[in-house]
Amino acid sequence: AICSGIAMLASLLGLSIELGAFTAGLFVSGSYYSHRVLSEV
C-alpha cells in the first residue's frame, strides 16, 4: 500500500510512477522496520 500510494501521488502530480515507487522504498529504508519490510519484499 505504501509503494502504490506514493507512486500514485507522483502520478497525480504528472511525474513518473517509477520515481514514486523508488522514493517510497527510499523513505521506508530509513525506518525502524526497514529490515522487516525488506524481508517481506
All heavy atoms as atom14 arrays in JSON, in Angstrom:
{
  "sequence": "AICSGIAMLASLLGLSIELGAFTAGLFVSGSYYSHRVLSEV",
  "atom14_mask": [
    [1, 1, 1, 1, 1, 0, 0, 0, 0, 0, 0, 0, 0, 0],
    [1, 1, 1, 1, 1, 1, 1, 1, 0, 0, 0, 0, 0, 0],
    [1, 1, 1, 1, 1, 1, 0, 0, 0, 0, 0, 0, 0, 0],
    [1, 1, 1, 1, 1, 1, 0, 0, 0, 0, 0, 0, 0, 0],
    [1, 1, 1, 1, 0, 0, 0, 0, 0, 0, 0, 0, 0, 0],
    [1, 1, 1, 1, 1, 1, 1, 1, 0, 0, 0, 0, 0, 0],
    [1, 1, 1, 1, 1, 0, 0, 0, 0, 0, 0, 0, 0, 0],
    [1, 1, 1, 1, 1, 1, 1, 1, 0, 0, 0, 0, 0, 0],
    [1, 1, 1, 1, 1, 1, 1, 1, 0, 0, 0, 0, 0, 0],
    [1, 1, 1, 1, 1, 0, 0, 0, 0, 0, 0, 0, 0, 0],
    [1, 1, 1, 1, 1, 1, 0, 0, 0, 0, 0, 0, 0, 0],
    [1, 1, 1, 1, 1, 1, 1, 1, 0, 0, 0, 0, 0, 0],
    [1, 1, 1, 1, 1, 1, 1, 1, 0, 0, 0, 0, 0, 0],
    [1, 1, 1, 1, 0, 0, 0, 0, 0, 0, 0, 0, 0, 0],
    [1, 1, 1, 1, 1, 1, 1, 1, 0, 0, 0, 0, 0, 0],
    [1, 1, 1, 1, 1, 1, 0, 0, 0, 0, 0, 0, 0, 0],
    [1, 1, 1, 1, 1, 1, 1, 1, 0, 0, 0, 0, 0, 0],
    [1, 1, 1, 1, 1, 1, 1, 1, 1, 0, 0, 0, 0, 0],
    [1, 1, 1, 1, 1, 1, 1, 1, 0, 0, 0, 0, 0, 0],
    [1, 1, 1, 1, 0, 0, 0, 0, 0, 0, 0, 0, 0, 0],
    [1, 1, 1, 1, 1, 0, 0, 0, 0, 0, 0, 0, 0, 0],
    [1, 1, 1, 1, 1, 1, 1, 1, 1, 1, 1, 0, 0, 0],
    [1, 1, 1, 1, 1, 1, 1, 0, 0, 0, 0, 0, 0, 0],
    [1, 1, 1, 1, 1, 0, 0, 0, 0, 0, 0, 0, 0, 0],
    [1, 1, 1, 1, 0, 0, 0, 0, 0, 0, 0, 0, 0, 0],
    [1, 1, 1, 1, 1, 1, 1, 1, 0, 0, 0, 0, 0, 0],
    [1, 1, 1, 1, 1, 1, 1, 1, 1, 1, 1, 0, 0, 0],
    [1, 1, 1, 1, 1, 1, 1, 0, 0, 0, 0, 0, 0, 0],
    [1, 1, 1, 1, 1, 1, 0, 0, 0, 0, 0, 0, 0, 0],
    [1, 1, 1, 1, 0, 0, 0, 0, 0, 0, 0, 0, 0, 0],
    [1, 1, 1, 1, 1, 1, 0, 0, 0, 0, 0, 0, 0, 0],
    [1, 1, 1, 1, 1, 1, 1, 1, 1, 1, 1, 1, 0, 0],
    [1, 1, 1, 1, 1, 1, 1, 1, 1, 1, 1, 1, 0, 0],
    [1, 1, 1, 1, 1, 1, 0, 0, 0, 0, 0, 0, 0, 0],
    [1, 1, 1, 1, 1, 1, 1, 1, 1, 1, 0, 0, 0, 0],
    [1, 1, 1, 1, 1, 1, 1, 1, 1, 1, 1, 0, 0, 0],
    [1, 1, 1, 1, 1, 1, 1, 0, 0, 0, 0, 0, 0, 0],
    [1, 1, 1, 1, 1, 1, 1, 1, 0, 0, 0, 0, 0, 0],
    [1, 1, 1, 1, 1, 1, 0, 0, 0, 0, 0, 0, 0, 0],
    [1, 1, 1, 1, 1, 1, 1, 1, 1, 0, 0, 0, 0, 0],
    [1, 1, 1, 1, 1, 1, 1, 0, 0, 0, 0, 0, 0, 0]
  ],
  "atom14_positions": [
    [[0.83, -1.21, 0.0], [0.0, 0.0, 0.0], [0.86, 1.25, 0.0], [0.55, 2.24, -0.68], [-0.93, -0.01, 1.21], [0.0, 0.0, 0.0], [0.0, 0.0, 0.0], [0.0, 0.0, 0.0], [0.0, 0.0, 0.0], [0.0, 0.0, 0.0], [0.0, 0.0, 0.0], [0.0, 0.0, 0.0], [0.0, 0.0, 0.0], [0.0, 0.0, 0.0]],
    [[1.96, 1.23, 0.76], [2.88, 2.37, 0.78], [3.48, 2.58, -0.6], [3.54, 3.71, -1.12], [3.99, 2.14, 1.82], [3.42, 2.2, 3.24], [5.1, 3.17, 1.66], [4.41, 1.79, 4.3], [0.0, 0.0, 0.0], [0.0, 0.0, 0.0], [0.0, 0.0, 0.0], [0.0, 0.0, 0.0], [0.0, 0.0, 0.0], [0.0, 0.0, 0.0]],
    [[3.91, 1.48, -1.22], [4.52, 1.57, -2.56], [3.55, 2.17, -3.56], [3.86, 3.13, -4.26], [4.97, 0.18, -3.0], [5.55, 0.09, -4.72], [0.0, 0.0, 0.0], [0.0, 0.0, 0.0], [0.0, 0.0, 0.0], [0.0, 0.0, 0.0], [0.0, 0.0, 0.0], [0.0, 0.0, 0.0], [0.0, 0.0, 0.0], [0.0, 0.0, 0.0]],
    [[2.34, 1.58, -3.64], [1.37, 2.05, -4.63], [0.84, 3.44, -4.31], [0.57, 4.24, -5.2], [0.21, 1.05, -4.73], [-0.43, 0.91, -3.46], [0.0, 0.0, 0.0], [0.0, 0.0, 0.0], [0.0, 0.0, 0.0], [0.0, 0.0, 0.0], [0.0, 0.0, 0.0], [0.0, 0.0, 0.0], [0.0, 0.0, 0.0], [0.0, 0.0, 0.0]],
    [[0.72, 3.76, -3.02], [0.18, 5.06, -2.64], [1.1, 6.21, -3.03], [0.66, 7.21, -3.62], [0.0, 0.0, 0.0], [0.0, 0.0, 0.0], [0.0, 0.0, 0.0], [0.0, 0.0, 0.0], [0.0, 0.0, 0.0], [0.0, 0.0, 0.0], [0.0, 0.0, 0.0], [0.0, 0.0, 0.0], [0.0, 0.0, 0.0], [0.0, 0.0, 0.0]],
    [[2.39, 6.09, -2.71], [3.33, 7.17, -3.06], [3.55, 7.22, -4.57], [3.72, 8.3, -5.15], [4.65, 6.98, -2.3], [4.4, 7.1, -0.79], [5.69, 8.01, -2.73], [5.64, 7.0, 0.07], [0.0, 0.0, 0.0], [0.0, 0.0, 0.0], [0.0, 0.0, 0.0], [0.0, 0.0, 0.0], [0.0, 0.0, 0.0], [0.0, 0.0, 0.0]],
    [[3.53, 6.05, -5.22], [3.63, 6.04, -6.68], [2.44, 6.75, -7.32], [2.58, 7.5, -8.29], [3.73, 4.61, -7.19], [0.0, 0.0, 0.0], [0.0, 0.0, 0.0], [0.0, 0.0, 0.0], [0.0, 0.0, 0.0], [0.0, 0.0, 0.0], [0.0, 0.0, 0.0], [0.0, 0.0, 0.0], [0.0, 0.0, 0.0], [0.0, 0.0, 0.0]],
    [[1.26, 6.56, -6.75], [0.06, 7.24, -7.26], [0.15, 8.74, -7.02], [-0.27, 9.53, -7.87], [-1.18, 6.67, -6.57], [-2.49, 7.31, -7.01], [-2.8, 7.12, -8.79], [-3.08, 5.35, -8.86], [0.0, 0.0, 0.0], [0.0, 0.0, 0.0], [0.0, 0.0, 0.0], [0.0, 0.0, 0.0], [0.0, 0.0, 0.0], [0.0, 0.0, 0.0]],
    [[0.72, 9.15, -5.9], [0.92, 10.58, -5.63], [1.79, 11.21, -6.7], [1.5, 12.31, -7.19], [1.54, 10.76, -4.25], [1.92, 12.2, -3.86], [0.68, 13.09, -3.82], [2.65, 12.22, -2.52], [0.0, 0.0, 0.0], [0.0, 0.0, 0.0], [0.0, 0.0, 0.0], [0.0, 0.0, 0.0], [0.0, 0.0, 0.0], [0.0, 0.0, 0.0]],
    [[2.86, 10.51, -7.07], [3.72, 11.01, -8.15], [2.95, 11.12, -9.46], [3.1, 12.09, -10.21], [4.94, 10.1, -8.31], [0.0, 0.0, 0.0], [0.0, 0.0, 0.0], [0.0, 0.0, 0.0], [0.0, 0.0, 0.0], [0.0, 0.0, 0.0], [0.0, 0.0, 0.0], [0.0, 0.0, 0.0], [0.0, 0.0, 0.0], [0.0, 0.0, 0.0]],
    [[2.13, 10.12, -9.74], [1.36, 10.12, -10.98], [0.37, 11.28, -11.01], [0.18, 11.93, -12.05], [0.62, 8.79, -11.13], [-0.19, 8.78, -12.28], [0.0, 0.0, 0.0], [0.0, 0.0, 0.0], [0.0, 0.0, 0.0], [0.0, 0.0, 0.0], [0.0, 0.0, 0.0], [0.0, 0.0, 0.0], [0.0, 0.0, 0.0], [0.0, 0.0, 0.0]],
    [[-0.28, 11.58, -9.88], [-1.24, 12.68, -9.82], [-0.58, 14.03, -10.06], [-1.22, 14.97, -10.54], [-1.94, 12.67, -8.46], [-2.88, 11.5, -8.18], [-3.42, 11.56, -6.76], [-4.03, 11.49, -9.19], [0.0, 0.0, 0.0], [0.0, 0.0, 0.0], [0.0, 0.0, 0.0], [0.0, 0.0, 0.0], [0.0, 0.0, 0.0], [0.0, 0.0, 0.0]],
    [[0.73, 14.12, -9.74], [1.46, 15.37, -9.97], [2.12, 15.4, -11.34], [2.9, 16.29, -11.64], [2.54, 15.53, -8.88], [2.0, 15.85, -7.48], [3.13, 15.8, -6.45], [1.33, 17.22, -7.46], [0.0, 0.0, 0.0], [0.0, 0.0, 0.0], [0.0, 0.0, 0.0], [0.0, 0.0, 0.0], [0.0, 0.0, 0.0], [0.0, 0.0, 0.0]],
    [[1.79, 14.42, -12.18], [2.32, 14.39, -13.53], [3.74, 13.87, -13.63], [4.43, 14.11, -14.62], [0.0, 0.0, 0.0], [0.0, 0.0, 0.0], [0.0, 0.0, 0.0], [0.0, 0.0, 0.0], [0.0, 0.0, 0.0], [0.0, 0.0, 0.0], [0.0, 0.0, 0.0], [0.0, 0.0, 0.0], [0.0, 0.0, 0.0], [0.0, 0.0, 0.0]],
    [[4.19, 13.14, -12.6], [5.53, 12.59, -12.59], [5.49, 11.1, -12.86], [4.42, 10.49, -12.93], [6.22, 12.87, -11.24], [6.32, 14.34, -10.84], [6.86, 14.47, -9.43], [7.21, 15.1, -11.82], [0.0, 0.0, 0.0], [0.0, 0.0, 0.0], [0.0, 0.0, 0.0], [0.0, 0.0, 0.0], [0.0, 0.0, 0.0], [0.0, 0.0, 0.0]],
    [[6.66, 10.5, -12.96], [6.76, 9.08, -13.24], [6.38, 8.26, -12.02], [6.83, 8.55, -10.9], [8.19, 8.73, -13.69], [8.4, 7.35, -13.67], [0.0, 0.0, 0.0], [0.0, 0.0, 0.0], [0.0, 0.0, 0.0], [0.0, 0.0, 0.0], [0.0, 0.0, 0.0], [0.0, 0.0, 0.0], [0.0, 0.0, 0.0], [0.0, 0.0, 0.0]],
    [[5.58, 7.2, -12.22], [5.23, 6.33, -11.11], [6.45, 5.54, -10.65], [6.52, 5.12, -9.49], [4.08, 5.38, -11.48], [4.41, 4.59, -12.76], [2.78, 6.13, -11.64], [3.34, 3.59, -13.13], [0.0, 0.0, 0.0], [0.0, 0.0, 0.0], [0.0, 0.0, 0.0], [0.0, 0.0, 0.0], [0.0, 0.0, 0.0], [0.0, 0.0, 0.0]],
    [[7.42, 5.34, -11.56], [8.65, 4.66, -11.17], [9.42, 5.49, -10.14], [9.96, 4.95, -9.17], [9.53, 4.39, -12.39], [8.98, 3.36, -13.35], [7.99, 3.96, -14.35], [7.72, 5.18, -14.23], [7.48, 3.22, -15.21], [0.0, 0.0, 0.0], [0.0, 0.0, 0.0], [0.0, 0.0, 0.0], [0.0, 0.0, 0.0], [0.0, 0.0, 0.0]],
    [[9.45, 6.82, -10.36], [10.09, 7.71, -9.39], [9.37, 7.63, -8.05], [10.01, 7.59, -6.98], [10.08, 9.14, -9.91], [10.58, 10.22, -8.93], [12.04, 9.99, -8.57], [10.36, 11.62, -9.5], [0.0, 0.0, 0.0], [0.0, 0.0, 0.0], [0.0, 0.0, 0.0], [0.0, 0.0, 0.0], [0.0, 0.0, 0.0], [0.0, 0.0, 0.0]],
    [[8.03, 7.59, -8.08], [7.27, 7.48, -6.85], [7.55, 6.19, -6.1], [7.72, 6.2, -4.88], [0.0, 0.0, 0.0], [0.0, 0.0, 0.0], [0.0, 0.0, 0.0], [0.0, 0.0, 0.0], [0.0, 0.0, 0.0], [0.0, 0.0, 0.0], [0.0, 0.0, 0.0], [0.0, 0.0, 0.0], [0.0, 0.0, 0.0], [0.0, 0.0, 0.0]],
    [[7.64, 5.07, -6.83], [7.91, 3.79, -6.19], [9.31, 3.77, -5.58], [9.5, 3.27, -4.46], [7.76, 2.66, -7.2], [0.0, 0.0, 0.0], [0.0, 0.0, 0.0], [0.0, 0.0, 0.0], [0.0, 0.0, 0.0], [0.0, 0.0, 0.0], [0.0, 0.0, 0.0], [0.0, 0.0, 0.0], [0.0, 0.0, 0.0], [0.0, 0.0, 0.0]],
    [[10.29, 4.3, -6.31], [11.67, 4.33, -5.76], [11.73, 5.22, -4.53], [12.38, 4.88, -3.53], [12.63, 4.84, -6.83], [14.04, 5.02, -6.32], [14.86, 3.92, -6.13], [14.53, 6.28, -6.01], [16.15, 4.08, -5.65], [15.81, 6.45, -5.53], [16.63, 5.34, -5.36], [0.0, 0.0, 0.0], [0.0, 0.0, 0.0], [0.0, 0.0, 0.0]],
    [[11.05, 6.37, -4.57], [11.04, 7.27, -3.43], [10.39, 6.61, -2.22], [10.86, 6.76, -1.08], [10.29, 8.57, -3.79], [10.89, 9.15, -4.95], [10.35, 9.57, -2.64], [0.0, 0.0, 0.0], [0.0, 0.0, 0.0], [0.0, 0.0, 0.0], [0.0, 0.0, 0.0], [0.0, 0.0, 0.0], [0.0, 0.0, 0.0], [0.0, 0.0, 0.0]],
    [[9.32, 5.85, -2.46], [8.66, 5.14, -1.36], [9.63, 4.16, -0.71], [9.74, 4.09, 0.53], [7.42, 4.4, -1.88], [0.0, 0.0, 0.0], [0.0, 0.0, 0.0], [0.0, 0.0, 0.0], [0.0, 0.0, 0.0], [0.0, 0.0, 0.0], [0.0, 0.0, 0.0], [0.0, 0.0, 0.0], [0.0, 0.0, 0.0], [0.0, 0.0, 0.0]],
    [[10.33, 3.39, -1.52], [11.3, 2.45, -0.97], [12.42, 3.15, -0.23], [12.91, 2.67, 0.8], [0.0, 0.0, 0.0], [0.0, 0.0, 0.0], [0.0, 0.0, 0.0], [0.0, 0.0, 0.0], [0.0, 0.0, 0.0], [0.0, 0.0, 0.0], [0.0, 0.0, 0.0], [0.0, 0.0, 0.0], [0.0, 0.0, 0.0], [0.0, 0.0, 0.0]],
    [[12.82, 4.3, -0.75], [13.92, 5.05, -0.14], [13.56, 5.53, 1.26], [14.35, 5.42, 2.2], [14.29, 6.24, -1.03], [15.63, 6.92, -0.79], [16.77, 5.93, -1.04], [15.77, 8.13, -1.7], [0.0, 0.0, 0.0], [0.0, 0.0, 0.0], [0.0, 0.0, 0.0], [0.0, 0.0, 0.0], [0.0, 0.0, 0.0], [0.0, 0.0, 0.0]],
    [[12.34, 6.05, 1.43], [11.93, 6.55, 2.74], [11.65, 5.4, 3.7], [11.93, 5.51, 4.89], [10.7, 7.45, 2.6], [11.03, 8.83, 2.09], [10.59, 9.25, 0.86], [11.79, 9.7, 2.85], [10.9, 10.52, 0.39], [12.1, 10.96, 2.39], [11.66, 11.37, 1.16], [0.0, 0.0, 0.0], [0.0, 0.0, 0.0], [0.0, 0.0, 0.0]],
    [[11.1, 4.3, 3.2], [10.86, 3.15, 4.06], [12.18, 2.56, 4.54], [12.28, 2.06, 5.66], [10.02, 2.09, 3.33], [9.95, 0.79, 4.12], [8.61, 2.61, 3.08], [0.0, 0.0, 0.0], [0.0, 0.0, 0.0], [0.0, 0.0, 0.0], [0.0, 0.0, 0.0], [0.0, 0.0, 0.0], [0.0, 0.0, 0.0], [0.0, 0.0, 0.0]],
    [[13.23, 2.62, 3.71], [14.53, 2.05, 4.07], [15.14, 2.74, 5.29], [15.99, 2.16, 5.96], [15.5, 2.14, 2.89], [15.87, 3.49, 2.64], [0.0, 0.0, 0.0], [0.0, 0.0, 0.0], [0.0, 0.0, 0.0], [0.0, 0.0, 0.0], [0.0, 0.0, 0.0], [0.0, 0.0, 0.0], [0.0, 0.0, 0.0], [0.0, 0.0, 0.0]],
    [[14.72, 3.97, 5.57], [15.25, 4.69, 6.71], [14.42, 4.52, 7.97], [14.73, 5.13, 9.0], [0.0, 0.0, 0.0], [0.0, 0.0, 0.0], [0.0, 0.0, 0.0], [0.0, 0.0, 0.0], [0.0, 0.0, 0.0], [0.0, 0.0, 0.0], [0.0, 0.0, 0.0], [0.0, 0.0, 0.0], [0.0, 0.0, 0.0], [0.0, 0.0, 0.0]],
    [[13.38, 3.68, 7.92], [12.52, 3.5, 9.08], [13.04, 2.39, 9.98], [13.93, 1.62, 9.62], [11.09, 3.15, 8.63], [11.06, 1.86, 8.04], [0.0, 0.0, 0.0], [0.0, 0.0, 0.0], [0.0, 0.0, 0.0], [0.0, 0.0, 0.0], [0.0, 0.0, 0.0], [0.0, 0.0, 0.0], [0.0, 0.0, 0.0], [0.0, 0.0, 0.0]],
    [[12.45, 2.3, 11.18], [12.85, 1.28, 12.17], [12.55, -0.12, 11.67], [13.26, -1.09, 12.01], [12.11, 1.55, 13.48], [12.38, 0.53, 14.56], [13.55, 0.56, 15.3], [11.44, -0.47, 14.83], [13.8, -0.39, 16.29], [11.66, -1.41, 15.82], [12.85, -1.36, 16.55], [13.08, -2.3, 17.52], [0.0, 0.0, 0.0], [0.0, 0.0, 0.0]],
    [[11.52, -0.25, 10.84], [11.09, -1.57, 10.36], [11.63, -1.89, 8.97], [11.09, -2.76, 8.28], [9.56, -1.64, 10.33], [8.92, -1.47, 11.68], [8.44, -0.23, 12.09], [8.81, -2.55, 12.56], [7.84, -0.08, 13.34], [8.22, -2.4, 13.81], [7.75, -1.15, 14.2], [7.17, -0.99, 15.43], [0.0, 0.0, 0.0], [0.0, 0.0, 0.0]],
    [[12.68, -1.21, 8.55], [13.19, -1.39, 7.19], [13.62, -2.83, 6.91], [13.36, -3.37, 5.82], [14.35, -0.43, 6.94], [15.4, -0.69, 7.85], [0.0, 0.0, 0.0], [0.0, 0.0, 0.0], [0.0, 0.0, 0.0], [0.0, 0.0, 0.0], [0.0, 0.0, 0.0], [0.0, 0.0, 0.0], [0.0, 0.0, 0.0], [0.0, 0.0, 0.0]],
    [[14.28, -3.47, 7.88], [14.75, -4.84, 7.66], [13.57, -5.81, 7.53], [13.62, -6.75, 6.73], [15.66, -5.27, 8.81], [16.94, -4.5, 8.87], [17.93, -4.63, 7.91], [17.4, -3.58, 9.76], [18.94, -3.84, 8.22], [18.65, -3.18, 9.33], [0.0, 0.0, 0.0], [0.0, 0.0, 0.0], [0.0, 0.0, 0.0], [0.0, 0.0, 0.0]],
    [[12.53, -5.57, 8.31], [11.36, -6.43, 8.19], [10.65, -6.22, 6.86], [10.21, -7.18, 6.23], [10.39, -6.16, 9.35], [9.17, -7.07, 9.32], [8.26, -6.85, 10.51], [7.04, -7.64, 10.39], [6.04, -7.59, 11.25], [6.12, -6.8, 12.32], [4.95, -8.33, 11.07], [0.0, 0.0, 0.0], [0.0, 0.0, 0.0], [0.0, 0.0, 0.0]],
    [[10.56, -4.96, 6.43], [9.95, -4.67, 5.13], [10.74, -5.35, 4.02], [10.17, -5.97, 3.11], [9.88, -3.16, 4.89], [9.43, -2.86, 3.46], [8.93, -2.5, 5.88], [0.0, 0.0, 0.0], [0.0, 0.0, 0.0], [0.0, 0.0, 0.0], [0.0, 0.0, 0.0], [0.0, 0.0, 0.0], [0.0, 0.0, 0.0], [0.0, 0.0, 0.0]],
    [[12.08, -5.26, 4.09], [12.92, -5.86, 3.07], [12.75, -7.38, 3.06], [12.71, -8.0, 1.98], [14.38, -5.49, 3.31], [15.38, -5.85, 2.2], [14.98, -5.2, 0.89], [16.78, -5.43, 2.6], [0.0, 0.0, 0.0], [0.0, 0.0, 0.0], [0.0, 0.0, 0.0], [0.0, 0.0, 0.0], [0.0, 0.0, 0.0], [0.0, 0.0, 0.0]],
    [[12.63, -8.0, 4.24], [12.45, -9.45, 4.3], [11.1, -9.86, 3.71], [10.98, -10.96, 3.15], [12.55, -9.94, 5.75], [11.47, -9.45, 6.53], [0.0, 0.0, 0.0], [0.0, 0.0, 0.0], [0.0, 0.0, 0.0], [0.0, 0.0, 0.0], [0.0, 0.0, 0.0], [0.0, 0.0, 0.0], [0.0, 0.0, 0.0], [0.0, 0.0, 0.0]],
    [[10.1, -8.99, 3.79], [8.8, -9.29, 3.21], [8.83, -9.17, 1.69], [8.15, -9.92, 0.97], [7.73, -8.33, 3.77], [7.43, -8.5, 5.24], [6.67, -9.77, 5.56], [6.03, -10.32, 4.64], [6.73, -10.22, 6.71], [0.0, 0.0, 0.0], [0.0, 0.0, 0.0], [0.0, 0.0, 0.0], [0.0, 0.0, 0.0], [0.0, 0.0, 0.0]],
    [[9.64, -8.25, 1.18], [9.65, -7.97, -0.25], [10.62, -8.87, -1.0], [10.38, -9.22, -2.17], [9.99, -6.48, -0.5], [10.18, -6.2, -1.98], [8.9, -5.6, 0.06], [0.0, 0.0, 0.0], [0.0, 0.0, 0.0], [0.0, 0.0, 0.0], [0.0, 0.0, 0.0], [0.0, 0.0, 0.0], [0.0, 0.0, 0.0], [0.0, 0.0, 0.0]]
  ]
}
